[in-house]
PDB file of N, CA and C in Angstrom:
ATOM      1  N   MET A   1     106.558 124.115 167.666  1.00  0.00           N
ATOM      2  CA  MET A   1     107.071 123.169 166.388  1.00  0.00           C
ATOM      3  C   MET A   1     105.955 124.014 165.369  1.00  0.00           C
ATOM      4  N   SER A   2     106.555 123.533 163.879  1.00  0.00           N
ATOM      5  CA  SER A   2     105.942 124.164 162.844  1.00  0.00           C
ATOM      6  C   SER A   2     104.580 124.028 162.622  1.00  0.00           C
ATOM      7  N   ASP A   3     103.739 124.625 161.780  1.00  0.00           N
ATOM      8  CA  ASP A   3     101.865 124.824 161.688  1.00  0.00           C
ATOM      9  C   ASP A   3     102.200 123.454 160.141  1.00  0.00           C
ATOM     10  N   PRO A   4     101.711 122.400 160.546  1.00  0.00           N
ATOM     11  CA  PRO A   4     101.189 121.505 159.579  1.00  0.00           C
ATOM     12  C   PRO A   4     100.655 121.838 158.160  1.00  0.00           C
ATOM     13  N   LYS A   5      99.534 122.857 158.553  1.00  0.00           N
ATOM     14  CA  LYS A   5      98.923 123.539 157.078  1.00  0.00           C
ATOM     15  C   LYS A   5     100.168 124.297 156.585  1.00  0.00           C
ATOM     16  N   LEU A   6     101.136 124.856 156.985  1.00  0.00           N
ATOM     17  CA  LEU A   6     101.924 125.405 156.205  1.00  0.00           C
ATOM     18  C   LEU A   6     102.671 124.416 155.222  1.00  0.00           C
ATOM     19  N   GLN A   7     103.143 123.084 155.767  1.00  0.00           N
ATOM     20  CA  GLN A   7     104.025 122.211 155.165  1.00  0.00           C
ATOM     21  C   GLN A   7     103.428 121.394 153.898  1.00  0.00           C
ATOM     22  N   ARG A   8     101.664 122.070 153.848  1.00  0.00           N
ATOM     23  CA  ARG A   8     100.883 120.812 152.865  1.00  0.00           C
ATOM     24  C   ARG A   8     101.515 121.840 151.420  1.00  0.00           C
ATOM     25  N   ALA A   9     101.308 120.847 150.611  1.00  0.00           N
ATOM     26  CA  ALA A   9     101.473 121.720 148.780  1.00  0.00           C
ATOM     27  C   ALA A   9     100.193 122.010 148.668  1.00  0.00           C
ATOM     28  N   ASP A  10     100.455 123.074 147.854  1.00  0.00           N
ATOM     29  CA  ASP A  10      98.980 124.214 147.622  1.00  0.00           C
ATOM     30  C   ASP A  10      98.907 123.157 145.670  1.00  0.00           C
ATOM     31  N   GLY A  11      97.753 122.999 145.925  1.00  0.00           N
ATOM     32  CA  GLY A  11      97.185 122.641 144.763  1.00  0.00           C
ATOM     33  C   GLY A  11      97.499 123.005 143.433  1.00  0.00           C
ATOM     34  N   CYS A  12      97.109 124.221 143.503  1.00  0.00           N
ATOM     35  CA  CYS A  12      97.250 125.273 142.447  1.00  0.00           C
ATOM     36  C   CYS A  12      98.867 125.376 142.001  1.00  0.00           C
ATOM     37  N   SER A  13      99.599 125.557 142.908  1.00  0.00           N
ATOM     38  CA  SER A  13     100.637 125.678 142.583  1.00  0.00           C
ATOM     39  C   SER A  13     101.487 124.313 141.778  1.00  0.00           C
ATOM     40  N   ILE A  14     101.044 123.526 142.528  1.00  0.00           N
ATOM     41  CA  ILE A  14     101.201 122.581 142.030  1.00  0.00           C
ATOM     42  C   ILE A  14     100.962 121.677 140.507  1.00  0.00           C
ATOM     43  N   PHE A  15      99.797 122.424 140.213  1.00  0.00           N
ATOM     44  CA  PHE A  15      99.312 122.316 138.847  1.00  0.00           C
ATOM     45  C   PHE A  15      99.610 123.251 137.763  1.00  0.00           C
ATOM     46  N   PHE A  16     100.383 124.393 138.201  1.00  0.00           N
ATOM     47  CA  PHE A  16     100.411 125.123 137.288  1.00  0.00           C
ATOM     48  C   PHE A  16     102.291 124.757 137.425  1.00  0.00           C
ATOM     49  N   THR A  17     102.779 124.309 138.277  1.00  0.00           N
ATOM     50  CA  THR A  17     104.317 123.410 138.060  1.00  0.00           C
ATOM     51  C   THR A  17     104.438 122.415 136.896  1.00  0.00           C
ATOM     52  N   LEU A  18     103.395 121.561 136.872  1.00  0.00           N
ATOM     53  CA  LEU A  18     102.997 120.238 135.884  1.00  0.00           C
ATOM     54  C   LEU A  18     102.846 120.813 134.389  1.00  0.00           C
ATOM     55  N   ILE A  19     101.903 122.221 134.501  1.00  0.00           N
ATOM     56  CA  ILE A  19     101.689 122.823 133.049  1.00  0.00           C
ATOM     57  C   ILE A  19     102.976 123.337 132.910  1.00  0.00           C
ATOM     58  N   LEU A  20     103.598 123.810 133.599  1.00  0.00           N
ATOM     59  CA  LEU A  20     104.720 124.827 132.936  1.00  0.00           C
ATOM     60  C   LEU A  20     105.475 123.380 132.525  1.00  0.00           C
ATOM     61  N   ALA A  21     106.145 122.372 133.314  1.00  0.00           N
ATOM     62  CA  ALA A  21     106.912 121.550 132.522  1.00  0.00           C
ATOM     63  C   ALA A  21     106.631 120.611 131.312  1.00  0.00           C
ATOM     64  N   THR A  22     105.366 120.591 131.627  1.00  0.00           N
ATOM     65  CA  THR A  22     104.953 119.920 130.138  1.00  0.00           C
ATOM     66  C   THR A  22     105.023 120.836 128.980  1.00  0.00           C
ATOM     67  N   VAL A  23     104.788 122.026 129.016  1.00  0.00           N
ATOM     68  CA  VAL A  23     104.828 122.966 127.751  1.00  0.00           C
ATOM     69  C   VAL A  23     106.396 123.263 127.707  1.00  0.00           C
ATOM     70  N   ILE A  24     107.485 123.013 128.581  1.00  0.00           N
ATOM     71  CA  ILE A  24     108.902 123.214 128.552  1.00  0.00           C
ATOM     72  C   ILE A  24     109.304 121.995 127.802  1.00  0.00           C
ATOM     73  N   ILE A  25     108.846 120.633 127.968  1.00  0.00           N
ATOM     74  CA  ILE A  25     109.181 119.333 127.263  1.00  0.00           C
ATOM     75  C   ILE A  25     108.768 119.481 126.085  1.00  0.00           C
ATOM     76  N   SER A  26     107.576 119.978 125.786  1.00  0.00           N
ATOM     77  CA  SER A  26     107.000 119.604 124.350  1.00  0.00           C
ATOM     78  C   SER A  26     107.584 120.847 123.174  1.00  0.00           C
ATOM     79  N   VAL A  27     107.981 122.060 124.076  1.00  0.00           N
ATOM     80  CA  VAL A  27     108.725 122.871 123.215  1.00  0.00           C
ATOM     81  C   VAL A  27     110.123 122.473 122.815  1.00  0.00           C
ATOM     82  N   PHE A  28     110.864 121.287 123.965  1.00  0.00           N
ATOM     83  CA  PHE A  28     111.962 121.200 123.372  1.00  0.00           C
ATOM     84  C   PHE A  28     112.013 119.850 122.610  1.00  0.00           C
ATOM     85  N   TYR A  29     110.634 119.350 122.519  1.00  0.00           N
ATOM     86  CA  TYR A  29     110.782 118.103 121.201  1.00  0.00           C
ATOM     87  C   TYR A  29     110.178 118.800 119.788  1.00  0.00           C
ATOM     88  N   LEU A  30     109.495 119.926 120.214  1.00  0.00           N
ATOM     89  CA  LEU A  30     108.664 120.334 118.613  1.00  0.00           C
ATOM     90  C   LEU A  30     109.719 121.570 118.265  1.00  0.00           C
ATOM     91  N   ILE A  31     110.631 122.358 118.912  1.00  0.00           N
ATOM     92  CA  ILE A  31     111.568 123.285 118.189  1.00  0.00           C
ATOM     93  C   ILE A  31     112.176 122.874 116.708  1.00  0.00           C
ATOM     94  N   PRO A  32     112.872 121.158 117.318  1.00  0.00           N
ATOM     95  CA  PRO A  32     114.007 120.677 116.008  1.00  0.00           C
ATOM     96  C   PRO A  32     112.787 120.525 115.094  1.00  0.00           C
ATOM     97  N   LYS A  33     111.678 120.124 115.131  1.00  0.00           N
ATOM     98  CA  LYS A  33     110.371 119.760 114.046  1.00  0.00           C
ATOM     99  C   LYS A  33     110.353 121.125 113.156  1.00  0.00           C
ATOM    100  N   ILE A  34     110.100 122.069 113.824  1.00  0.00           N
ATOM    101  CA  ILE A  34     109.720 123.413 112.996  1.00  0.00           C
ATOM    102  C   ILE A  34     110.671 123.696 112.309  1.00  0.00           C
ATOM    103  N   PHE A  35     112.190 123.986 112.997  1.00  0.00           N
ATOM    104  CA  PHE A  35     113.302 124.652 112.527  1.00  0.00           C
ATOM    105  C   PHE A  35     114.201 123.319 112.089  1.00  0.00           C
ATOM    106  N   PRO A  36     114.005 122.484 111.109  1.00  0.00           N
ATOM    107  CA  PRO A  36     114.915 121.607 110.916  1.00  0.00           C
ATOM    108  C   PRO A  36     116.347 121.658 110.404  1.00  0.00           C
ATOM    109  N   PRO A  37     117.329 120.825 110.782  1.00  0.00           N
ATOM    110  CA  PRO A  37     118.821 121.556 110.518  1.00  0.00           C
ATOM    111  C   PRO A  37     118.973 121.630 109.149  1.00  0.00           C
ATOM    112  N   ASP A  38     119.634 122.469 108.781  1.00  0.00           N
ATOM    113  CA  ASP A  38     120.602 122.531 107.354  1.00  0.00           C
ATOM    114  C   ASP A  38     121.159 121.552 106.691  1.00  0.00           C
ATOM    115  N   PRO A  39     120.603 120.986 105.534  1.00  0.00           N
ATOM    116  CA  PRO A  39     121.242 119.731 104.925  1.00  0.00           C
ATOM    117  C   PRO A  39     122.553 119.826 104.548  1.00  0.00           C
ATOM    118  N   HIS A  40     123.407 118.568 104.747  1.00  0.00           N
ATOM    119  CA  HIS A  40     124.630 118.957 104.649  1.00  0.00           C
ATOM    120  C   HIS A  40     125.001 118.731 103.079  1.00  0.00           C
ATOM    121  N   SER A  41     125.811 119.082 102.481  1.00  0.00           N
ATOM    122  CA  SER A  41     126.073 119.444 101.043  1.00  0.00           C
ATOM    123  C   SER A  41     127.011 118.108 101.080  1.00  0.00           C
ATOM    124  N   PRO A  42     126.538 117.534  99.626  1.00  0.00           N
ATOM    125  CA  PRO A  42     127.278 116.377  99.596  1.00  0.00           C
ATOM    126  C   PRO A  42     128.762 116.649  99.009  1.00  0.00           C
ATOM    127  N   VAL A  43     129.617 115.660  99.159  1.00  0.00           N
ATOM    128  CA  VAL A  43     130.959 115.656  99.123  1.00  0.00           C
ATOM    129  C   VAL A  43     131.280 115.507  97.631  1.00  0.00           C
ATOM    130  N   SER A  44     132.039 116.572  97.246  1.00  0.00           N
ATOM    131  CA  SER A  44     132.525 116.179  95.569  1.00  0.00           C
ATOM    132  C   SER A  44     133.760 115.982  95.857  1.00  0.00           C
ATOM    133  N   GLU A  45     134.262 115.268  94.528  1.00  0.00           N
ATOM    134  CA  GLU A  45     135.682 115.007  93.822  1.00  0.00           C
ATOM    135  C   GLU A  45     136.437 115.775  94.424  1.00  0.00           C
ATOM    136  N   GLU A  46     136.356 117.302  94.162  1.00  0.00           N
ATOM    137  CA  GLU A  46     137.322 118.479  94.340  1.00  0.00           C
ATOM    138  C   GLU A  46     137.695 118.405  96.064  1.00  0.00           C
ATOM    139  N   ILE A  47     136.626 118.248  96.836  1.00  0.00           N
ATOM    140  CA  ILE A  47     136.535 118.281  98.141  1.00  0.00           C
ATOM    141  C   ILE A  47     137.484 117.079  99.258  1.00  0.00           C
ATOM    142  N   SER A  48     137.346 115.855  97.969  1.00  0.00           N
ATOM    143  CA  SER A  48     137.880 114.835  98.644  1.00  0.00           C
ATOM    144  C   SER A  48     139.550 114.904  98.415  1.00  0.00           C
ATOM    145  N   LYS A  49     139.863 115.252  97.584  1.00  0.00           N
ATOM    146  CA  LYS A  49     141.128 115.586  96.515  1.00  0.00           C
ATOM    147  C   LYS A  49     141.681 116.710  97.674  1.00  0.00           C
ATOM    148  N   GLN A  50     141.230 117.968  98.257  1.00  0.00           N
ATOM    149  CA  GLN A  50     141.756 118.839  99.134  1.00  0.00           C
ATOM    150  C   GLN A  50     142.051 118.030 100.620  1.00  0.00           C
ATOM    151  N   ARG A  51     141.262 117.054 100.853  1.00  0.00           N
ATOM    152  CA  ARG A  51     141.561 116.819 102.150  1.00  0.00           C
ATOM    153  C   ARG A  51     142.556 115.728 102.151  1.00  0.00           C
ATOM    154  N   GLN A  52     142.423 114.986 100.651  1.00  0.00           N
ATOM    155  CA  GLN A  52     143.914 113.906 101.066  1.00  0.00           C
ATOM    156  C   GLN A  52     144.869 114.673 101.068  1.00  0.00           C
ATOM    157  N   GLN A  53     144.820 115.728  99.903  1.00  0.00           N
ATOM    158  CA  GLN A  53     146.221 116.607 100.165  1.00  0.00           C
ATOM    159  C   GLN A  53     146.610 117.060 101.613  1.00  0.00           C
ATOM    160  N   LYS A  54     145.494 117.793 101.984  1.00  0.00           N
ATOM    161  CA  LYS A  54     146.043 118.078 103.619  1.00  0.00           C
ATOM    162  C   LYS A  54     146.240 117.198 104.479  1.00  0.00           C
ATOM    163  N   ILE A  55     145.709 115.307 104.518  1.00  0.00           N
ATOM    164  CA  ILE A  55     146.306 114.658 105.180  1.00  0.00           C
ATOM    165  C   ILE A  55     147.456 114.246 104.719  1.00  0.00           C
ATOM    166  N   ASP A  56     147.682 114.093 103.310  1.00  0.00           N
ATOM    167  CA  ASP A  56     149.083 114.035 103.108  1.00  0.00           C
ATOM    168  C   ASP A  56     150.230 114.753 103.941  1.00  0.00           C
ATOM    169  N   ALA A  57     150.041 116.416 103.665  1.00  0.00           N
ATOM    170  CA  ALA A  57     150.890 117.210 104.052  1.00  0.00           C
ATOM    171  C   ALA A  57     150.964 117.145 105.463  1.00  0.00           C
ATOM    172  N   ASN A  58     150.069 116.741 106.420  1.00  0.00           N
ATOM    173  CA  ASN A  58     150.166 116.762 107.733  1.00  0.00           C
ATOM    174  C   ASN A  58     151.070 115.155 108.094  1.00  0.00           C
ATOM    175  N   LYS A  59     151.272 114.075 107.328  1.00  0.00           N
ATOM    176  CA  LYS A  59     152.157 113.153 107.514  1.00  0.00           C
ATOM    177  C   LYS A  59     152.945 112.987 107.115  1.00  0.00           C
ATOM    178  N   LEU A  60     153.456 113.809 106.047  1.00  0.00           N
ATOM    179  CA  LEU A  60     154.865 114.020 105.754  1.00  0.00           C
ATOM    180  C   LEU A  60     155.214 115.192 106.673  1.00  0.00           C
ATOM    181  N   GLU A  61     154.624 115.922 107.289  1.00  0.00           N
ATOM    182  CA  GLU A  61     155.341 116.853 108.424  1.00  0.00           C
ATOM    183  C   GLU A  61     155.716 115.945 109.700  1.00  0.00           C
ATOM    184  N   ALA A  62     154.845 114.886 109.753  1.00  0.00           N
ATOM    185  CA  ALA A  62     154.739 114.072 110.959  1.00  0.00           C
ATOM    186  C   ALA A  62     156.083 113.078 110.979  1.00  0.00           C
ATOM    187  N   GLU A  63     156.404 112.643 109.984  1.00  0.00           N
ATOM    188  CA  GLU A  63     157.338 112.299 109.489  1.00  0.00           C
ATOM    189  C   GLU A  63     159.034 112.885 109.212  1.00  0.00           C
ATOM    190  N   LYS A  64     158.814 114.225 109.229  1.00  0.00           N
ATOM    191  CA  LYS A  64     159.956 115.243 109.066  1.00  0.00           C
ATOM    192  C   LYS A  64     160.307 115.428 110.413  1.00  0.00           C
ATOM    193  N   PHE A  65     159.230 115.534 111.346  1.00  0.00           N
ATOM    194  CA  PHE A  65     159.389 115.630 112.924  1.00  0.00           C
ATOM    195  C   PHE A  65     159.902 114.551 113.473  1.00  0.00           C
ATOM    196  N   ALA A  66     159.651 113.088 113.106  1.00  0.00           N
ATOM    197  CA  ALA A  66     160.077 112.125 113.447  1.00  0.00           C
ATOM    198  C   ALA A  66     161.442 111.799 113.335  1.00  0.00           C
ATOM    199  N   ASN A  67     161.836 112.085 112.421  1.00  0.00           N
ATOM    200  CA  ASN A  67     163.155 111.904 111.472  1.00  0.00           C
ATOM    201  C   ASN A  67     163.906 113.023 112.384  1.00  0.00           C
ATOM    202  N   MET A  68     163.375 114.315 112.612  1.00  0.00           N
ATOM    203  CA  MET A  68     164.390 115.656 113.220  1.00  0.00           C
ATOM    204  C   MET A  68     164.735 114.807 114.712  1.00  0.00           C
ATOM    205  N   LEU A  69     163.572 114.056 115.411  1.00  0.00           N
ATOM    206  CA  LEU A  69     163.885 113.994 116.790  1.00  0.00           C
ATOM    207  C   LEU A  69     165.107 112.608 116.654  1.00  0.00           C
ATOM    208  N   ASP A  70     164.652 111.749 115.891  1.00  0.00           N
ATOM    209  CA  ASP A  70     165.742 110.511 115.572  1.00  0.00           C
ATOM    210  C   ASP A  70     166.930 111.153 115.349  1.00  0.00           C
ATOM    211  N   SER A  71     167.221 112.249 114.360  1.00  0.00           N
ATOM    212  CA  SER A  71     168.578 112.666 114.140  1.00  0.00           C
ATOM    213  C   SER A  71     169.185 113.189 115.777  1.00  0.00           C
ATOM    214  N   TYR A  72     168.490 114.104 116.006  1.00  0.00           N
ATOM    215  CA  TYR A  72     168.865 114.667 117.527  1.00  0.00           C
ATOM    216  C   TYR A  72     169.793 113.457 118.374  1.00  0.00           C
ATOM    217  N   HIS A  73     168.748 112.795 118.536  1.00  0.00           N
ATOM    218  CA  HIS A  73     169.189 111.740 119.567  1.00  0.00           C
ATOM    219  C   HIS A  73     170.538 110.776 119.289  1.00  0.00           C
ATOM    220  N   SER A  74     170.551 110.567 117.895  1.00  0.00           N
ATOM    221  CA  SER A  74     171.453 110.020 117.265  1.00  0.00           C
ATOM    222  C   SER A  74     172.765 111.032 117.180  1.00  0.00           C
ATOM    223  N   GLU A  75     172.721 111.999 116.867  1.00  0.00           N
ATOM    224  CA  GLU A  75     173.663 113.195 117.143  1.00  0.00           C
ATOM    225  C   GLU A  75     174.302 113.421 118.698  1.00  0.00           C
ATOM    226  N   ASN A  76     173.633 113.647 119.201  1.00  0.00           N
ATOM    227  CA  ASN A  76     173.734 113.469 120.848  1.00  0.00           C
ATOM    228  C   ASN A  76     174.475 112.062 121.389  1.00  0.00           C
ATOM    229  N   ASN A  77     173.952 111.020 120.659  1.00  0.00           N
ATOM    230  CA  ASN A  77     174.284 109.817 121.270  1.00  0.00           C
ATOM    231  C   ASN A  77     173.336 109.362 122.591  1.00  0.00           C
ATOM    232  N   SER A  78     172.194 110.024 122.532  1.00  0.00           N
ATOM    233  CA  SER A  78     171.260 109.684 123.677  1.00  0.00           C
ATOM    234  C   SER A  78     170.582 108.663 123.365  1.00  0.00           C
ATOM    235  N   SER A  79     169.681 107.936 124.378  1.00  0.00           N
ATOM    236  CA  SER A  79     168.387 107.249 124.136  1.00  0.00           C
ATOM    237  C   SER A  79     167.368 107.524 125.253  1.00  0.00           C
ATOM    238  N   ILE A  80     166.427 106.984 124.917  1.00  0.00           N
ATOM    239  CA  ILE A  80     165.309 107.314 125.664  1.00  0.00           C
ATOM    240  C   ILE A  80     165.728 106.706 127.291  1.00  0.00           C
ATOM    241  N   GLU A  81     166.322 105.934 127.252  1.00  0.00           N
ATOM    242  CA  GLU A  81     166.596 105.072 128.886  1.00  0.00           C
ATOM    243  C   GLU A  81     167.766 105.535 129.339  1.00  0.00           C
ATOM    244  N   ASN A  82     168.690 106.407 128.523  1.00  0.00           N
ATOM    245  CA  ASN A  82     169.668 107.306 129.256  1.00  0.00           C
ATOM    246  C   ASN A  82     169.071 108.486 129.805  1.00  0.00           C
ATOM    247  N   VAL A  83     168.143 109.136 128.747  1.00  0.00           N
ATOM    248  CA  VAL A  83     167.896 110.577 129.173  1.00  0.00           C
ATOM    249  C   VAL A  83     166.913 110.291 130.635  1.00  0.00           C
ATOM    250  N   MET A  84     165.784 109.223 130.327  1.00  0.00           N
ATOM    251  CA  MET A  84     165.244 108.838 131.501  1.00  0.00           C
ATOM    252  C   MET A  84     166.224 108.688 132.943  1.00  0.00           C
ATOM    253  N   GLN A  85     167.357 108.043 132.382  1.00  0.00           N
ATOM    254  CA  GLN A  85     168.365 107.727 133.470  1.00  0.00           C
ATOM    255  C   GLN A  85     168.775 109.084 134.426  1.00  0.00           C
ATOM    256  N   LYS A  86     169.182 109.890 133.708  1.00  0.00           N
ATOM    257  CA  LYS A  86     169.742 111.482 133.952  1.00  0.00           C
ATOM    258  C   LYS A  86     168.614 111.896 134.764  1.00  0.00           C
ATOM    259  N   VAL A  87     167.579 111.562 134.261  1.00  0.00           N
ATOM    260  CA  VAL A  87     166.089 112.374 135.288  1.00  0.00           C
ATOM    261  C   VAL A  87     166.103 111.918 136.418  1.00  0.00           C
ATOM    262  N   LEU A  88     166.634 111.070 136.335  1.00  0.00           N
ATOM    263  CA  LEU A  88     166.237 110.286 138.075  1.00  0.00           C
ATOM    264  C   LEU A  88     167.207 110.951 138.659  1.00  0.00           C
ATOM    265  N   GLU A  89     168.542 110.675 138.400  1.00  0.00           N
ATOM    266  CA  GLU A  89     169.531 110.888 138.688  1.00  0.00           C
ATOM    267  C   GLU A  89     169.358 112.442 139.206  1.00  0.00           C
ATOM    268  N   ASP A  90     169.083 113.207 138.376  1.00  0.00           N
ATOM    269  CA  ASP A  90     168.848 114.792 138.758  1.00  0.00           C
ATOM    270  C   ASP A  90     167.803 115.041 140.002  1.00  0.00           C
ATOM    271  N   TYR A  91     166.744 114.238 139.588  1.00  0.00           N
ATOM    272  CA  TYR A  91     165.466 114.039 140.914  1.00  0.00           C
ATOM    273  C   TYR A  91     165.954 113.727 142.342  1.00  0.00           C
ATOM    274  N   GLU A  92     166.962 112.471 142.054  1.00  0.00           N
ATOM    275  CA  GLU A  92     167.404 112.328 143.452  1.00  0.00           C
ATOM    276  C   GLU A  92     168.334 113.012 144.170  1.00  0.00           C
ATOM    277  N   SER A  93     169.046 113.903 143.337  1.00  0.00           N
ATOM    278  CA  SER A  93     169.993 114.888 143.512  1.00  0.00           C
ATOM    279  C   SER A  93     169.532 115.769 144.411  1.00  0.00           C
ATOM    280  N   ASN A  94     168.297 116.597 143.617  1.00  0.00           N
ATOM    281  CA  ASN A  94     167.931 117.427 144.410  1.00  0.00           C
ATOM    282  C   ASN A  94     166.850 117.285 145.471  1.00  0.00           C
ATOM    283  N   LYS A  95     166.502 115.931 145.586  1.00  0.00           N
ATOM    284  CA  LYS A  95     165.880 115.475 146.759  1.00  0.00           C
ATOM    285  C   LYS A  95     166.155 115.204 148.179  1.00  0.00           C
ATOM    286  N   THR A  96     167.668 114.938 147.564  1.00  0.00           N
ATOM    287  CA  THR A  96     168.770 114.734 149.026  1.00  0.00           C
ATOM    288  C   THR A  96     169.039 116.023 149.296  1.00  0.00           C
ATOM    289  N   SER A  97     169.185 116.893 148.489  1.00  0.00           N
ATOM    290  CA  SER A  97     169.757 118.255 148.630  1.00  0.00           C
ATOM    291  C   SER A  97     168.528 119.102 150.078  1.00  0.00           C
ATOM    292  N   ALA A  98     167.385 118.782 149.448  1.00  0.00           N
ATOM    293  CA  ALA A  98     166.438 119.506 149.886  1.00  0.00           C
ATOM    294  C   ALA A  98     166.443 119.478 151.438  1.00  0.00           C
ATOM    295  N   PRO A  99     165.820 120.301 152.600  1.00  0.00           N
ATOM    296  CA  PRO A  99     166.280 119.943 153.800  1.00  0.00           C
ATOM    297  C   PRO A  99     165.065 119.432 154.341  1.00  0.00           C
TER     298      PRO A  99
END
């Protein structure tokens, strides 16, 4: 069997471990107080206008894309139901032809 004296914790190493843990935890909380984050600059009217222009441009692009998809499906006379039905049929034909 193993020697019970070797299984006992060394009081000195536990003490240093606790001191080290205390130092690390205190540093974790003190560093943000010593080095505060940079303050955010206030939002100006110009920045708000630029943001609104970008939002409007993205909305316009999304509408164009949706219209392009709708026109494609109307030209091909397809609907989501028909496309999904074709996918299922292709899947089942591949499944039956596999050994």
